[in-house]
Amino acid sequence: MLGLEKKLVKEWEGKSAQELADAPVTAIAGVTEADAEKLLAAFGIKTVRDLGTNKYFRWAQGLVALAD
């Protein structure tokens, strides 16, 4: 277990990191189908991997890290 129980929807708990990376973004607790549709339309994001490697999100994380 990766210690992600509260960050994932029930059906994705206990999956490997590889399986989670390739999972749809709705595997993340709180991400709805409507959210997923918006992420796909705006950024082409389908999977958790897509979300985690999206250049805009990574740039924002870098800026926040610099600001802190």
C-alpha atoms as a PDB file:
ATOM      1  CA  MET A   1       0.000   0.000   0.000  1.00  0.00           C
ATOM      2  CA  LEU A   2       1.261   3.452  -0.861  1.00  0.00           C
ATOM      3  CA  GLY A   3      -0.523   5.263   1.985  1.00  0.00           C
ATOM      4  CA  LEU A   4      -2.961   6.909  -0.392  1.00  0.00           C
ATOM      5  CA  GLU A   5      -6.200   5.479   1.002  1.00  0.00           C
ATOM      6  CA  LYS A   6      -7.921   8.827   1.566  1.00  0.00           C
ATOM      7  CA  LYS A   7      -6.688  10.299  -1.703  1.00  0.00           C
ATOM      8  CA  LEU A   8      -8.248   7.655  -3.956  1.00  0.00           C
ATOM      9  CA  VAL A   9     -11.725   6.378  -4.642  1.00  0.00           C
ATOM     10  CA  LYS A  10     -12.347   2.979  -3.077  1.00  0.00           C
ATOM     11  CA  GLU A  11     -11.931   0.874  -6.221  1.00  0.00           C
ATOM     12  CA  TRP A  12      -8.390   2.191  -6.783  1.00  0.00           C
ATOM     13  CA  GLU A  13      -7.103   1.612  -3.259  1.00  0.00           C
ATOM     14  CA  GLY A  14      -4.342  -0.993  -3.094  1.00  0.00           C
ATOM     15  CA  LYS A  15      -3.323  -0.598  -6.735  1.00  0.00           C
ATOM     16  CA  SER A  16       0.318  -0.251  -7.754  1.00  0.00           C
ATOM     17  CA  ALA A  17       1.869   3.119  -8.547  1.00  0.00           C
ATOM     18  CA  GLN A  18       1.972   2.113 -12.233  1.00  0.00           C
ATOM     19  CA  GLU A  19      -1.726   1.243 -12.236  1.00  0.00           C
ATOM     20  CA  LEU A  20      -2.560   4.521 -10.487  1.00  0.00           C
ATOM     21  CA  ALA A  21      -0.498   6.586 -12.919  1.00  0.00           C
ATOM     22  CA  ASP A  22      -2.419   5.047 -15.810  1.00  0.00           C
ATOM     23  CA  ALA A  23      -5.795   5.360 -14.049  1.00  0.00           C
ATOM     24  CA  PRO A  24      -8.386   7.922 -15.115  1.00  0.00           C
ATOM     25  CA  VAL A  25      -8.257  11.175 -13.155  1.00  0.00           C
ATOM     26  CA  THR A  26     -11.529  10.162 -11.511  1.00  0.00           C
ATOM     27  CA  ALA A  27      -9.488   7.632  -9.475  1.00  0.00           C
ATOM     28  CA  ILE A  28      -8.476  10.620  -7.338  1.00  0.00           C
ATOM     29  CA  ALA A  29     -10.955  11.264  -4.544  1.00  0.00           C
ATOM     30  CA  GLY A  30     -13.009  14.371  -5.253  1.00  0.00           C
ATOM     31  CA  VAL A  31     -12.430  14.454  -9.025  1.00  0.00           C
ATOM     32  CA  THR A  32     -15.831  14.054 -10.662  1.00  0.00           C
ATOM     33  CA  GLU A  33     -16.720  12.960 -14.169  1.00  0.00           C
ATOM     34  CA  ALA A  34     -17.555  16.613 -14.911  1.00  0.00           C
ATOM     35  CA  ASP A  35     -14.093  17.643 -13.680  1.00  0.00           C
ATOM     36  CA  ALA A  36     -12.530  14.946 -15.855  1.00  0.00           C
ATOM     37  CA  GLU A  37     -14.424  16.193 -18.906  1.00  0.00           C
ATOM     38  CA  LYS A  38     -13.170  19.741 -18.274  1.00  0.00           C
ATOM     39  CA  LEU A  39      -9.568  18.584 -17.810  1.00  0.00           C
ATOM     40  CA  LEU A  40      -9.789  16.638 -21.064  1.00  0.00           C
ATOM     41  CA  ALA A  41     -11.318  19.524 -23.001  1.00  0.00           C
ATOM     42  CA  ALA A  42      -8.968  22.183 -21.641  1.00  0.00           C
ATOM     43  CA  PHE A  43      -5.676  20.304 -21.355  1.00  0.00           C
ATOM     44  CA  GLY A  44      -6.057  16.884 -22.987  1.00  0.00           C
ATOM     45  CA  ILE A  45      -5.715  15.244 -19.567  1.00  0.00           C
ATOM     46  CA  LYS A  46      -7.149  11.719 -19.319  1.00  0.00           C
ATOM     47  CA  THR A  47      -4.999   9.941 -16.727  1.00  0.00           C
ATOM     48  CA  VAL A  48      -3.380  10.639 -13.386  1.00  0.00           C
ATOM     49  CA  ARG A  49      -0.034  10.582 -15.238  1.00  0.00           C
ATOM     50  CA  ASP A  50      -1.287  13.240 -17.661  1.00  0.00           C
ATOM     51  CA  LEU A  51      -2.353  15.390 -14.718  1.00  0.00           C
ATOM     52  CA  GLY A  52       0.935  14.961 -12.879  1.00  0.00           C
ATOM     53  CA  THR A  53       3.069  15.750 -15.898  1.00  0.00           C
ATOM     54  CA  ASN A  54       1.034  18.592 -17.378  1.00  0.00           C
ATOM     55  CA  LYS A  55       3.459  21.424 -18.087  1.00  0.00           C
ATOM     56  CA  TYR A  56       1.163  24.148 -16.793  1.00  0.00           C
ATOM     57  CA  PHE A  57       0.565  22.395 -13.498  1.00  0.00           C
ATOM     58  CA  ARG A  58       4.291  21.672 -13.128  1.00  0.00           C
ATOM     59  CA  TRP A  59       5.134  25.318 -13.843  1.00  0.00           C
ATOM     60  CA  ALA A  60       2.626  26.416 -11.216  1.00  0.00           C
ATOM     61  CA  GLN A  61       4.123  23.987  -8.671  1.00  0.00           C
ATOM     62  CA  GLY A  62       7.590  25.368  -9.408  1.00  0.00           C
ATOM     63  CA  LEU A  63       6.430  28.958  -8.954  1.00  0.00           C
ATOM     64  CA  VAL A  64       4.747  28.129  -5.656  1.00  0.00           C
ATOM     65  CA  ALA A  65       7.878  26.319  -4.447  1.00  0.00           C
ATOM     66  CA  LEU A  66       9.979  29.380  -5.305  1.00  0.00           C
ATOM     67  CA  ALA A  67       7.522  31.686  -3.543  1.00  0.00           C
ATOM     68  CA  ASP A  68       7.618  29.581  -0.384  1.00  0.00           C
END
